[in-house]
C-alpha cells in the first residue's frame, strides 16, 4: 500500500505517530499517562502470559539469571511501569529504549520473560534508558526504592546488564530530553519510602 502525505514515512506522519504514542514533549500536568506506557506494558504482559502458558507442564524452564526472584511481585506490569514513570520523572521515550534493551537481553541470554523476572528487568532497563536518553536522572538508590529492591541489588543488576557489549546502542542526536534538575538527587537516609511504598526486595 502506498502511503499518502500523512503516511508514516513523512515528517507530518512521524510527528502524528509520536503524538499518538505520547512521545512528544510530555507535560506532567496533563491528565493520564502517555499511551506508550500502555503499549509497552501490553506487549510485555502478553509475552509473560505466553511464556508461562508454554512452561506449564513442560520440562523447559529457560535460562535462570540474576533477574529472577523467588516469587512474583504484587504489582502488575502495567502498575509497575506507571509507578516508575510517576516517580522517576523521565521522558516517555525512555520506555521505548528500555524495551529495546529488554529484547536484546532476552535474545542474547535465551531467557524467557516471566512474572519472576519481568519486574527486575524492567526497573534495570528503564533506569539504563533514562541515563541514556535524558539529561538528568535520579541516582540508583532512588530507582531501587521506586522499584522495590535494594540499592545493592540494583547496582548488581545494572552491571550484569550493562557489561554485555552487544546490548549497547549508539547514542543518536538527542530528540527527547528535558532538563529537570534531577542530577544526582539523593534520598535522605531518613526517608524509607517513595510514594508510600517501602523499599522491600521482591
N, C-alpha and C. Protein backbone atom coordinates (compact mmCIF):
# COMPACT_ATOMS: atom_id res chain seq x y z
N UNK A 1 0.85 -1.19 0.00
CA UNK A 1 0.00 0.00 0.00
C UNK A 1 0.88 1.24 0.00
N UNK A 2 0.60 2.20 -0.87
CA UNK A 2 1.37 3.44 -0.94
C UNK A 2 0.81 4.42 0.08
N UNK A 3 1.69 4.95 0.88
CA UNK A 3 1.24 5.88 1.91
C UNK A 3 1.15 7.28 1.34
N UNK A 4 0.11 7.99 1.72
CA UNK A 4 -0.10 9.34 1.23
C UNK A 4 0.71 10.36 1.99
N UNK A 5 0.28 11.62 1.88
CA UNK A 5 1.02 12.72 2.50
C UNK A 5 1.09 12.58 4.01
N UNK A 6 0.07 11.91 4.59
CA UNK A 6 0.06 11.73 6.04
C UNK A 6 0.62 10.37 6.44
N UNK A 7 1.30 9.69 5.49
CA UNK A 7 1.85 8.37 5.78
C UNK A 7 2.95 8.43 6.82
N UNK A 8 3.28 7.26 7.34
CA UNK A 8 4.26 7.19 8.43
C UNK A 8 5.63 7.73 8.01
N UNK A 9 5.99 7.54 6.72
CA UNK A 9 7.31 7.94 6.26
C UNK A 9 7.50 9.44 6.11
N UNK A 10 6.45 10.21 6.16
CA UNK A 10 6.56 11.65 6.01
C UNK A 10 6.80 12.32 7.35
N UNK A 11 7.27 13.55 7.29
CA UNK A 11 7.53 14.30 8.53
C UNK A 11 6.26 14.47 9.35
N UNK A 12 5.15 14.81 8.67
CA UNK A 12 3.90 15.01 9.40
C UNK A 12 3.37 13.69 9.94
N UNK A 13 3.59 12.59 9.17
CA UNK A 13 3.15 11.27 9.62
C UNK A 13 3.90 10.81 10.85
N UNK A 14 5.22 11.05 10.86
CA UNK A 14 6.04 10.68 12.01
C UNK A 14 5.64 11.49 13.22
N UNK A 15 5.42 12.80 13.02
CA UNK A 15 5.01 13.67 14.12
C UNK A 15 3.69 13.22 14.71
N UNK A 16 2.75 12.83 13.83
CA UNK A 16 1.44 12.37 14.28
C UNK A 16 1.57 11.07 15.08
N UNK A 17 2.43 10.17 14.61
CA UNK A 17 2.65 8.90 15.31
C UNK A 17 3.24 9.15 16.68
N UNK A 18 4.25 10.03 16.75
CA UNK A 18 4.86 10.37 18.05
C UNK A 18 3.82 10.93 19.01
N UNK A 19 2.96 11.82 18.48
CA UNK A 19 1.94 12.43 19.31
C UNK A 19 0.95 11.39 19.83
N UNK A 20 0.52 10.49 18.94
CA UNK A 20 -0.44 9.45 19.33
C UNK A 20 0.12 8.52 20.39
N UNK A 21 1.42 8.28 20.35
CA UNK A 21 2.04 7.37 21.32
C UNK A 21 2.48 8.10 22.58
N UNK A 22 2.36 9.42 22.56
CA UNK A 22 2.77 10.19 23.74
C UNK A 22 4.26 10.40 23.82
N UNK A 23 4.94 10.38 22.67
CA UNK A 23 6.40 10.52 22.67
C UNK A 23 6.87 11.95 22.45
N UNK A 24 5.97 12.84 22.09
CA UNK A 24 6.35 14.24 22.00
C UNK A 24 6.54 14.78 23.41
N UNK A 25 7.00 16.00 23.51
CA UNK A 25 7.25 16.57 24.84
C UNK A 25 6.01 16.41 25.70
N UNK A 26 6.21 15.84 26.88
CA UNK A 26 5.08 15.48 27.74
C UNK A 26 4.99 16.44 28.91
N UNK A 27 3.81 17.04 29.05
CA UNK A 27 3.57 17.96 30.15
C UNK A 27 3.07 17.16 31.34
N UNK A 28 3.80 17.19 32.44
CA UNK A 28 3.43 16.40 33.61
C UNK A 28 2.09 16.85 34.19
N UNK A 29 1.61 18.00 33.76
CA UNK A 29 0.32 18.46 34.24
C UNK A 29 -0.84 17.85 33.46
N UNK A 30 -0.51 17.17 32.34
CA UNK A 30 -1.56 16.54 31.54
C UNK A 30 -2.26 15.45 32.35
N UNK A 31 -3.52 15.22 32.02
CA UNK A 31 -4.25 14.15 32.69
C UNK A 31 -3.90 12.82 32.03
N UNK A 32 -3.69 11.82 32.85
CA UNK A 32 -3.40 10.49 32.33
C UNK A 32 -1.94 10.30 31.94
N UNK A 33 -1.59 9.06 31.64
CA UNK A 33 -0.23 8.70 31.25
C UNK A 33 -0.11 8.66 29.73
N UNK A 34 1.10 8.85 29.19
CA UNK A 34 1.27 8.74 27.74
C UNK A 34 0.94 7.32 27.27
N UNK A 35 0.42 7.21 26.07
CA UNK A 35 -0.03 5.92 25.53
C UNK A 35 1.08 4.89 25.45
N UNK A 36 2.32 5.34 25.30
CA UNK A 36 3.44 4.41 25.14
C UNK A 36 3.58 3.49 26.36
N UNK A 37 3.19 3.96 27.54
CA UNK A 37 3.27 3.12 28.74
C UNK A 37 2.34 1.92 28.59
N UNK A 38 1.14 2.17 28.11
CA UNK A 38 0.16 1.11 27.92
C UNK A 38 0.63 0.14 26.84
N UNK A 39 1.20 0.67 25.76
CA UNK A 39 1.66 -0.17 24.65
C UNK A 39 2.76 -1.12 25.13
N UNK A 40 3.78 -0.56 25.79
CA UNK A 40 4.90 -1.38 26.28
C UNK A 40 4.41 -2.41 27.29
N UNK A 41 3.57 -1.98 28.22
CA UNK A 41 3.06 -2.89 29.25
C UNK A 41 2.24 -4.03 28.62
N UNK A 42 1.42 -3.71 27.64
CA UNK A 42 0.58 -4.72 26.99
C UNK A 42 1.42 -5.77 26.27
N UNK A 43 2.43 -5.31 25.54
CA UNK A 43 3.31 -6.23 24.80
C UNK A 43 4.04 -7.14 25.78
N UNK A 44 4.56 -6.57 26.86
CA UNK A 44 5.31 -7.36 27.84
C UNK A 44 4.39 -8.33 28.58
N UNK A 45 3.21 -7.88 28.97
CA UNK A 45 2.27 -8.76 29.68
C UNK A 45 1.85 -9.94 28.81
N UNK A 46 1.62 -9.69 27.53
CA UNK A 46 1.26 -10.79 26.61
C UNK A 46 2.40 -11.79 26.50
N UNK A 47 3.63 -11.28 26.45
CA UNK A 47 4.80 -12.14 26.36
C UNK A 47 4.94 -13.01 27.60
N UNK A 48 4.73 -12.42 28.77
CA UNK A 48 4.81 -13.17 30.03
C UNK A 48 3.75 -14.26 30.07
N UNK A 49 2.52 -13.91 29.70
CA UNK A 49 1.42 -14.89 29.70
C UNK A 49 1.70 -16.04 28.73
N UNK A 50 2.21 -15.71 27.56
CA UNK A 50 2.52 -16.73 26.55
C UNK A 50 3.62 -17.66 27.05
N UNK A 51 4.67 -17.09 27.63
CA UNK A 51 5.79 -17.90 28.12
C UNK A 51 5.37 -18.81 29.26
N UNK A 52 4.60 -18.26 30.19
CA UNK A 52 4.19 -19.06 31.35
C UNK A 52 3.20 -20.15 30.97
N UNK A 53 2.39 -19.89 29.96
CA UNK A 53 1.47 -20.92 29.47
C UNK A 53 2.27 -22.05 28.82
N UNK A 54 3.31 -21.67 28.06
CA UNK A 54 4.15 -22.67 27.40
C UNK A 54 4.98 -23.49 28.37
N UNK A 55 5.33 -22.89 29.51
CA UNK A 55 6.15 -23.58 30.50
C UNK A 55 5.35 -24.54 31.37
N UNK A 56 4.03 -24.34 31.42
CA UNK A 56 3.18 -25.19 32.25
C UNK A 56 3.21 -26.62 31.73
N UNK A 57 3.53 -27.54 32.60
CA UNK A 57 3.57 -28.95 32.21
C UNK A 57 4.72 -29.29 31.30
N UNK A 58 5.70 -28.37 31.17
CA UNK A 58 6.86 -28.62 30.32
C UNK A 58 8.12 -28.70 31.17
N UNK A 59 9.08 -29.48 30.69
CA UNK A 59 10.37 -29.58 31.39
C UNK A 59 11.24 -28.36 31.12
N UNK A 60 10.91 -27.63 30.08
CA UNK A 60 11.70 -26.45 29.71
C UNK A 60 11.44 -25.32 30.70
N UNK A 61 12.50 -24.73 31.21
CA UNK A 61 12.35 -23.65 32.17
C UNK A 61 13.00 -22.34 31.69
N UNK A 62 13.83 -22.44 30.66
CA UNK A 62 14.52 -21.24 30.20
C UNK A 62 15.70 -20.93 31.11
N UNK A 63 16.56 -20.03 30.65
CA UNK A 63 17.75 -19.67 31.43
C UNK A 63 17.34 -18.91 32.69
N UNK A 64 17.96 -19.26 33.80
CA UNK A 64 17.73 -18.55 35.06
C UNK A 64 18.86 -17.54 35.23
N UNK A 65 18.51 -16.28 35.45
CA UNK A 65 19.50 -15.21 35.56
C UNK A 65 19.40 -14.52 36.92
N UNK A 66 20.26 -13.55 37.14
CA UNK A 66 20.23 -12.78 38.40
C UNK A 66 18.95 -11.95 38.51
N UNK A 67 18.20 -11.86 37.42
CA UNK A 67 16.97 -11.08 37.43
C UNK A 67 15.78 -11.87 37.97
N UNK A 68 15.98 -13.16 38.20
CA UNK A 68 14.89 -14.00 38.69
C UNK A 68 14.70 -13.85 40.19
N UNK A 69 13.44 -13.75 40.61
CA UNK A 69 13.10 -13.72 42.02
C UNK A 69 12.46 -15.04 42.43
N UNK A 70 12.20 -15.20 43.71
CA UNK A 70 11.59 -16.43 44.20
C UNK A 70 10.07 -16.39 44.11
N UNK A 71 9.52 -15.19 44.04
CA UNK A 71 8.07 -15.05 43.90
C UNK A 71 7.75 -13.81 43.08
N UNK A 72 6.57 -13.80 42.51
CA UNK A 72 6.15 -12.67 41.67
C UNK A 72 5.66 -11.52 42.54
N UNK A 73 6.05 -10.29 42.23
CA UNK A 73 5.56 -9.12 42.97
C UNK A 73 4.05 -8.95 42.81
N UNK A 74 3.47 -8.19 43.72
CA UNK A 74 2.01 -7.97 43.71
C UNK A 74 1.60 -7.07 42.54
N UNK A 75 2.40 -6.06 42.23
CA UNK A 75 2.05 -5.11 41.17
C UNK A 75 2.07 -5.78 39.79
N UNK A 76 1.09 -5.45 38.96
CA UNK A 76 1.10 -5.92 37.58
C UNK A 76 2.17 -5.14 36.82
N UNK A 77 2.47 -5.61 35.61
CA UNK A 77 3.45 -4.91 34.77
C UNK A 77 2.98 -3.49 34.49
N UNK A 78 1.69 -3.34 34.18
CA UNK A 78 1.12 -2.01 33.91
C UNK A 78 1.28 -1.09 35.11
N UNK A 79 0.92 -1.57 36.29
CA UNK A 79 1.04 -0.77 37.52
C UNK A 79 2.49 -0.41 37.81
N UNK A 80 3.37 -1.36 37.56
CA UNK A 80 4.80 -1.16 37.83
C UNK A 80 5.39 -0.09 36.91
N UNK A 81 5.05 -0.17 35.63
CA UNK A 81 5.53 0.81 34.66
C UNK A 81 4.99 2.20 34.97
N UNK A 82 3.72 2.27 35.32
CA UNK A 82 3.12 3.56 35.67
C UNK A 82 3.76 4.14 36.93
N UNK A 83 4.07 3.29 37.87
CA UNK A 83 4.74 3.73 39.11
C UNK A 83 6.12 4.30 38.80
N UNK A 84 6.88 3.60 37.97
CA UNK A 84 8.22 4.07 37.60
C UNK A 84 8.13 5.41 36.89
N UNK A 85 7.17 5.53 35.96
CA UNK A 85 7.01 6.79 35.23
C UNK A 85 6.65 7.93 36.18
N UNK A 86 5.75 7.66 37.10
CA UNK A 86 5.29 8.68 38.03
C UNK A 86 6.42 9.22 38.91
N UNK A 87 7.24 8.32 39.44
CA UNK A 87 8.25 8.75 40.41
C UNK A 87 9.63 9.02 39.82
N UNK A 88 9.89 8.54 38.60
CA UNK A 88 11.22 8.78 38.01
C UNK A 88 11.29 10.10 37.27
N UNK A 89 10.12 10.63 36.88
CA UNK A 89 10.07 11.90 36.16
C UNK A 89 10.84 11.85 34.84
N UNK A 90 10.87 10.67 34.22
CA UNK A 90 11.63 10.50 32.97
C UNK A 90 10.74 10.81 31.77
N UNK A 91 11.36 10.95 30.61
CA UNK A 91 10.61 11.21 29.38
C UNK A 91 9.99 9.91 28.87
N UNK A 92 8.83 9.98 28.20
CA UNK A 92 8.17 8.77 27.71
C UNK A 92 9.02 7.93 26.78
N UNK A 93 9.91 8.57 26.02
CA UNK A 93 10.74 7.83 25.07
C UNK A 93 11.68 6.83 25.76
N UNK A 94 11.93 7.03 27.04
CA UNK A 94 12.79 6.09 27.79
C UNK A 94 12.21 4.68 27.77
N UNK A 95 10.88 4.57 27.70
CA UNK A 95 10.25 3.26 27.74
C UNK A 95 10.43 2.50 26.42
N UNK A 96 10.61 3.25 25.33
CA UNK A 96 10.90 2.62 24.04
C UNK A 96 12.31 2.04 24.07
N UNK A 97 13.27 2.85 24.54
CA UNK A 97 14.66 2.41 24.64
C UNK A 97 14.78 1.25 25.62
N UNK A 98 14.05 1.33 26.73
CA UNK A 98 14.07 0.26 27.73
C UNK A 98 13.59 -1.06 27.13
N UNK A 99 12.56 -0.98 26.30
CA UNK A 99 12.04 -2.19 25.66
C UNK A 99 13.08 -2.80 24.71
N UNK A 100 13.82 -1.94 24.02
CA UNK A 100 14.89 -2.43 23.13
C UNK A 100 15.95 -3.15 23.95
N UNK A 101 16.37 -2.56 25.07
CA UNK A 101 17.33 -3.21 25.96
C UNK A 101 16.80 -4.58 26.41
N UNK A 102 15.55 -4.60 26.79
CA UNK A 102 14.92 -5.82 27.30
C UNK A 102 14.94 -6.91 26.24
N UNK A 103 14.54 -6.58 25.03
CA UNK A 103 14.51 -7.55 23.93
C UNK A 103 15.91 -8.07 23.61
N UNK A 104 16.88 -7.19 23.59
CA UNK A 104 18.25 -7.61 23.29
C UNK A 104 18.77 -8.57 24.36
N UNK A 105 18.49 -8.25 25.60
CA UNK A 105 18.94 -9.11 26.70
C UNK A 105 18.31 -10.50 26.57
N UNK A 106 17.02 -10.54 26.33
CA UNK A 106 16.33 -11.83 26.21
C UNK A 106 16.86 -12.65 25.04
N UNK A 107 17.14 -12.01 23.93
CA UNK A 107 17.66 -12.71 22.75
C UNK A 107 19.07 -13.24 22.98
N UNK A 108 19.88 -12.48 23.71
CA UNK A 108 21.27 -12.89 23.94
C UNK A 108 21.42 -13.96 25.01
N UNK A 109 20.48 -14.05 25.90
CA UNK A 109 20.61 -14.98 27.03
C UNK A 109 19.69 -16.19 26.93
N UNK A 110 18.81 -16.22 25.95
CA UNK A 110 17.79 -17.28 25.85
C UNK A 110 16.92 -17.33 27.09
N UNK A 111 16.80 -16.22 27.75
CA UNK A 111 15.97 -16.11 28.95
C UNK A 111 14.53 -15.87 28.52
N UNK A 112 13.59 -16.48 29.24
CA UNK A 112 12.17 -16.26 28.96
C UNK A 112 11.61 -15.24 29.94
N UNK A 113 10.83 -14.32 29.43
CA UNK A 113 10.22 -13.30 30.27
C UNK A 113 9.06 -13.92 31.06
N UNK A 114 9.16 -13.89 32.38
CA UNK A 114 8.11 -14.46 33.23
C UNK A 114 7.81 -13.49 34.37
N UNK A 115 6.83 -13.84 35.17
CA UNK A 115 6.45 -12.99 36.31
C UNK A 115 7.55 -12.96 37.37
N UNK A 116 8.51 -13.88 37.30
CA UNK A 116 9.59 -13.94 38.28
C UNK A 116 10.76 -13.01 37.93
N UNK A 117 10.86 -12.61 36.67
CA UNK A 117 12.00 -11.76 36.30
C UNK A 117 11.61 -10.44 35.64
N UNK A 118 10.34 -10.28 35.25
CA UNK A 118 9.95 -9.12 34.45
C UNK A 118 10.13 -7.80 35.20
N UNK A 119 9.85 -7.76 36.49
CA UNK A 119 9.94 -6.51 37.24
C UNK A 119 11.39 -6.04 37.40
N UNK A 120 12.27 -6.96 37.72
CA UNK A 120 13.69 -6.58 37.86
C UNK A 120 14.28 -6.17 36.51
N UNK A 121 13.88 -6.88 35.45
CA UNK A 121 14.35 -6.49 34.12
C UNK A 121 13.84 -5.12 33.73
N UNK A 122 12.60 -4.82 34.09
CA UNK A 122 12.02 -3.52 33.76
C UNK A 122 12.70 -2.38 34.49
N UNK A 123 12.87 -2.48 35.79
CA UNK A 123 13.47 -1.36 36.54
C UNK A 123 14.91 -1.12 36.07
N UNK A 124 15.62 -2.21 35.77
CA UNK A 124 17.00 -2.05 35.30
C UNK A 124 17.04 -1.44 33.90
N UNK A 125 16.20 -1.95 33.00
CA UNK A 125 16.16 -1.43 31.63
C UNK A 125 15.74 0.04 31.59
N UNK A 126 14.74 0.38 32.37
CA UNK A 126 14.25 1.76 32.37
C UNK A 126 15.29 2.70 32.96
N UNK A 127 15.94 2.29 34.03
CA UNK A 127 16.97 3.13 34.63
C UNK A 127 18.12 3.38 33.64
N UNK A 128 18.55 2.32 32.96
CA UNK A 128 19.61 2.48 31.95
C UNK A 128 19.15 3.37 30.81
N UNK A 129 17.89 3.23 30.41
CA UNK A 129 17.35 4.06 29.32
C UNK A 129 17.31 5.53 29.71
N UNK A 130 16.94 5.81 30.95
CA UNK A 130 16.90 7.21 31.42
C UNK A 130 18.31 7.80 31.38
N UNK A 131 19.28 7.03 31.80
CA UNK A 131 20.67 7.51 31.77
C UNK A 131 21.15 7.74 30.34
N UNK A 132 20.58 6.98 29.42
CA UNK A 132 20.96 7.07 28.01
C UNK A 132 20.24 8.21 27.29
N UNK A 133 18.96 8.39 27.57
CA UNK A 133 18.12 9.33 26.82
C UNK A 133 18.03 10.71 27.45
N UNK A 134 17.78 10.77 28.74
CA UNK A 134 17.52 12.05 29.40
C UNK A 134 18.79 12.73 29.89
N UNK A 135 18.72 14.04 30.01
CA UNK A 135 19.86 14.80 30.51
C UNK A 135 20.10 14.56 31.99
N UNK A 136 19.03 14.46 32.73
CA UNK A 136 19.12 14.34 34.19
C UNK A 136 18.38 13.10 34.66
N UNK A 137 18.87 12.54 35.76
CA UNK A 137 18.16 11.40 36.34
C UNK A 137 18.51 11.27 37.81
N UNK A 138 17.67 10.54 38.53
CA UNK A 138 17.95 10.25 39.93
C UNK A 138 19.05 9.20 40.01
N UNK A 139 19.60 9.03 41.21
CA UNK A 139 20.65 8.03 41.38
C UNK A 139 20.04 6.64 41.57
N UNK A 140 20.92 5.62 41.61
CA UNK A 140 20.47 4.23 41.71
C UNK A 140 19.67 3.96 42.98
N UNK A 141 20.03 4.62 44.06
CA UNK A 141 19.32 4.40 45.33
C UNK A 141 17.86 4.79 45.20
N UNK A 142 17.60 5.86 44.48
CA UNK A 142 16.21 6.30 44.28
C UNK A 142 15.45 5.28 43.45
N UNK A 143 16.06 4.84 42.32
CA UNK A 143 15.40 3.86 41.46
C UNK A 143 15.16 2.54 42.19
N UNK A 144 16.07 2.18 43.07
CA UNK A 144 15.89 0.96 43.85
C UNK A 144 14.63 1.07 44.71
N UNK A 145 14.43 2.22 45.34
CA UNK A 145 13.25 2.42 46.18
C UNK A 145 11.97 2.42 45.34
N UNK A 146 12.03 3.06 44.19
CA UNK A 146 10.87 3.07 43.30
C UNK A 146 10.55 1.65 42.84
N UNK A 147 11.61 0.88 42.54
CA UNK A 147 11.43 -0.47 42.02
C UNK A 147 11.17 -1.53 43.06
N UNK A 148 11.36 -1.20 44.34
CA UNK A 148 11.08 -2.17 45.40
C UNK A 148 12.18 -3.17 45.64
N UNK A 149 13.42 -2.79 45.29
CA UNK A 149 14.56 -3.66 45.56
C UNK A 149 15.64 -2.86 46.28
N UNK A 150 16.66 -3.52 46.76
CA UNK A 150 17.72 -2.82 47.47
C UNK A 150 18.67 -2.15 46.48
N UNK A 151 19.36 -1.13 46.95
CA UNK A 151 20.33 -0.43 46.09
C UNK A 151 21.43 -1.38 45.66
N UNK A 152 21.87 -2.22 46.58
CA UNK A 152 22.94 -3.17 46.28
C UNK A 152 22.53 -4.11 45.15
N UNK A 153 21.28 -4.59 45.20
CA UNK A 153 20.81 -5.49 44.16
C UNK A 153 20.69 -4.78 42.81
N UNK A 154 20.18 -3.55 42.82
CA UNK A 154 20.04 -2.82 41.57
C UNK A 154 21.40 -2.53 40.95
N UNK A 155 22.38 -2.19 41.77
CA UNK A 155 23.74 -1.97 41.27
C UNK A 155 24.27 -3.23 40.58
N UNK A 156 24.00 -4.37 41.19
CA UNK A 156 24.44 -5.65 40.63
C UNK A 156 23.72 -5.93 39.31
N UNK A 157 22.42 -5.68 39.27
CA UNK A 157 21.64 -5.92 38.06
C UNK A 157 22.09 -5.00 36.92
N UNK A 158 22.40 -3.76 37.26
CA UNK A 158 22.84 -2.79 36.25
C UNK A 158 24.15 -3.25 35.63
N UNK A 159 25.08 -3.72 36.45
CA UNK A 159 26.37 -4.20 35.93
C UNK A 159 26.19 -5.44 35.09
N UNK A 160 25.29 -6.30 35.51
CA UNK A 160 25.01 -7.53 34.76
C UNK A 160 24.51 -7.21 33.37
N UNK A 161 23.64 -6.24 33.28
CA UNK A 161 23.04 -5.90 32.00
C UNK A 161 23.97 -5.04 31.15
N UNK A 162 24.66 -4.12 31.79
CA UNK A 162 25.50 -3.16 31.08
C UNK A 162 26.81 -3.76 30.62
N UNK A 163 27.21 -4.90 31.21
CA UNK A 163 28.52 -5.48 30.90
C UNK A 163 28.56 -6.15 29.53
N UNK A 164 27.39 -6.48 28.98
CA UNK A 164 27.35 -7.15 27.69
C UNK A 164 27.42 -6.11 26.57
N UNK A 165 28.51 -6.14 25.81
CA UNK A 165 28.73 -5.13 24.76
C UNK A 165 27.63 -5.17 23.69
N UNK A 166 27.04 -6.33 23.47
CA UNK A 166 26.02 -6.44 22.42
C UNK A 166 24.74 -5.70 22.78
N UNK A 167 24.61 -5.30 24.04
CA UNK A 167 23.42 -4.57 24.46
C UNK A 167 23.53 -3.08 24.18
N UNK A 168 24.73 -2.62 23.83
CA UNK A 168 24.95 -1.20 23.64
C UNK A 168 24.19 -0.67 22.43
N UNK A 169 23.70 0.54 22.57
CA UNK A 169 23.00 1.22 21.47
C UNK A 169 23.75 2.52 21.20
N UNK A 170 24.06 2.78 19.92
CA UNK A 170 24.74 4.03 19.60
C UNK A 170 23.84 5.19 19.96
N UNK A 171 24.40 6.17 20.64
CA UNK A 171 23.59 7.31 21.08
C UNK A 171 23.26 8.22 19.90
N UNK A 172 21.98 8.42 19.61
CA UNK A 172 21.58 9.27 18.48
C UNK A 172 21.58 10.74 18.88
N UNK A 173 21.25 11.59 17.92
CA UNK A 173 21.06 13.00 18.24
C UNK A 173 19.90 13.08 19.22
N UNK A 174 20.06 13.83 20.28
CA UNK A 174 19.03 13.89 21.31
C UNK A 174 17.75 14.53 20.75
N UNK A 175 16.66 13.77 20.84
CA UNK A 175 15.36 14.27 20.41
C UNK A 175 14.48 14.55 21.61
N UNK A 176 14.47 13.62 22.55
CA UNK A 176 13.61 13.75 23.72
C UNK A 176 14.48 13.95 24.95
N UNK A 177 14.66 15.16 25.39
CA UNK A 177 15.43 15.41 26.59
C UNK A 177 14.98 16.71 27.20
N UNK A 178 14.57 16.62 28.43
CA UNK A 178 14.12 17.81 29.12
C UNK A 178 14.90 17.94 30.40
N UNK A 179 15.50 19.12 30.64
CA UNK A 179 16.21 19.33 31.88
C UNK A 179 15.23 19.39 33.03
N UNK A 180 15.46 18.55 34.01
CA UNK A 180 14.52 18.50 35.13
C UNK A 180 15.21 18.80 36.46
N UNK A 181 16.51 19.14 36.39
CA UNK A 181 17.21 19.46 37.62
C UNK A 181 17.28 18.31 38.59
N UNK A 182 17.44 17.08 38.06
CA UNK A 182 17.41 15.91 38.92
C UNK A 182 18.76 15.23 39.05
N UNK A 183 19.80 15.84 38.52
CA UNK A 183 21.09 15.18 38.51
C UNK A 183 21.54 14.82 39.92
N UNK A 184 21.86 13.53 40.07
CA UNK A 184 22.40 13.03 41.34
C UNK A 184 21.58 13.40 42.56
N UNK A 185 20.28 13.42 42.41
CA UNK A 185 19.44 13.70 43.58
C UNK A 185 19.55 12.53 44.53
N UNK A 186 19.76 12.82 45.77
CA UNK A 186 19.91 11.77 46.77
C UNK A 186 18.66 11.67 47.63
N UNK A 187 18.47 10.51 48.21
CA UNK A 187 17.39 10.30 49.13
C UNK A 187 18.00 10.33 50.52
N UNK A 188 17.44 11.12 51.39
CA UNK A 188 17.98 11.17 52.74
C UNK A 188 17.77 9.84 53.42
N UNK A 189 18.69 9.47 54.29
CA UNK A 189 18.59 8.19 54.98
C UNK A 189 17.33 8.10 55.82
N UNK A 190 16.74 9.24 56.14
CA UNK A 190 15.54 9.24 56.96
C UNK A 190 14.27 9.01 56.18
N UNK A 191 14.37 8.82 54.84
CA UNK A 191 13.17 8.63 54.03
C UNK A 191 13.10 7.19 53.54
N UNK A 192 12.37 6.33 54.25
CA UNK A 192 12.35 4.92 53.89
C UNK A 192 11.40 4.55 52.78
N UNK A 193 10.63 5.52 52.28
CA UNK A 193 9.64 5.18 51.26
C UNK A 193 9.67 6.15 50.08
N UNK A 194 9.11 5.69 48.96
CA UNK A 194 8.89 6.52 47.79
C UNK A 194 7.46 6.30 47.38
N UNK A 195 6.67 7.35 47.41
CA UNK A 195 5.28 7.23 47.03
C UNK A 195 4.48 6.30 47.92
N UNK A 196 4.89 6.20 49.18
CA UNK A 196 4.15 5.38 50.11
C UNK A 196 4.54 3.91 50.11
N UNK A 197 5.51 3.52 49.26
CA UNK A 197 5.95 2.13 49.21
C UNK A 197 7.33 2.02 49.85
N UNK A 198 7.50 1.05 50.69
CA UNK A 198 8.80 0.87 51.32
C UNK A 198 9.72 0.10 50.38
N UNK A 199 11.01 0.19 50.62
CA UNK A 199 11.99 -0.49 49.79
C UNK A 199 12.10 -1.94 50.28
N UNK A 200 11.42 -2.84 49.61
CA UNK A 200 11.47 -4.23 50.00
C UNK A 200 11.85 -5.08 48.79
N UNK A 201 12.75 -6.01 48.99
CA UNK A 201 13.15 -6.89 47.91
C UNK A 201 11.99 -7.79 47.49
N UNK A 202 11.90 -8.10 46.21
CA UNK A 202 10.83 -8.98 45.71
C UNK A 202 11.04 -10.37 46.24
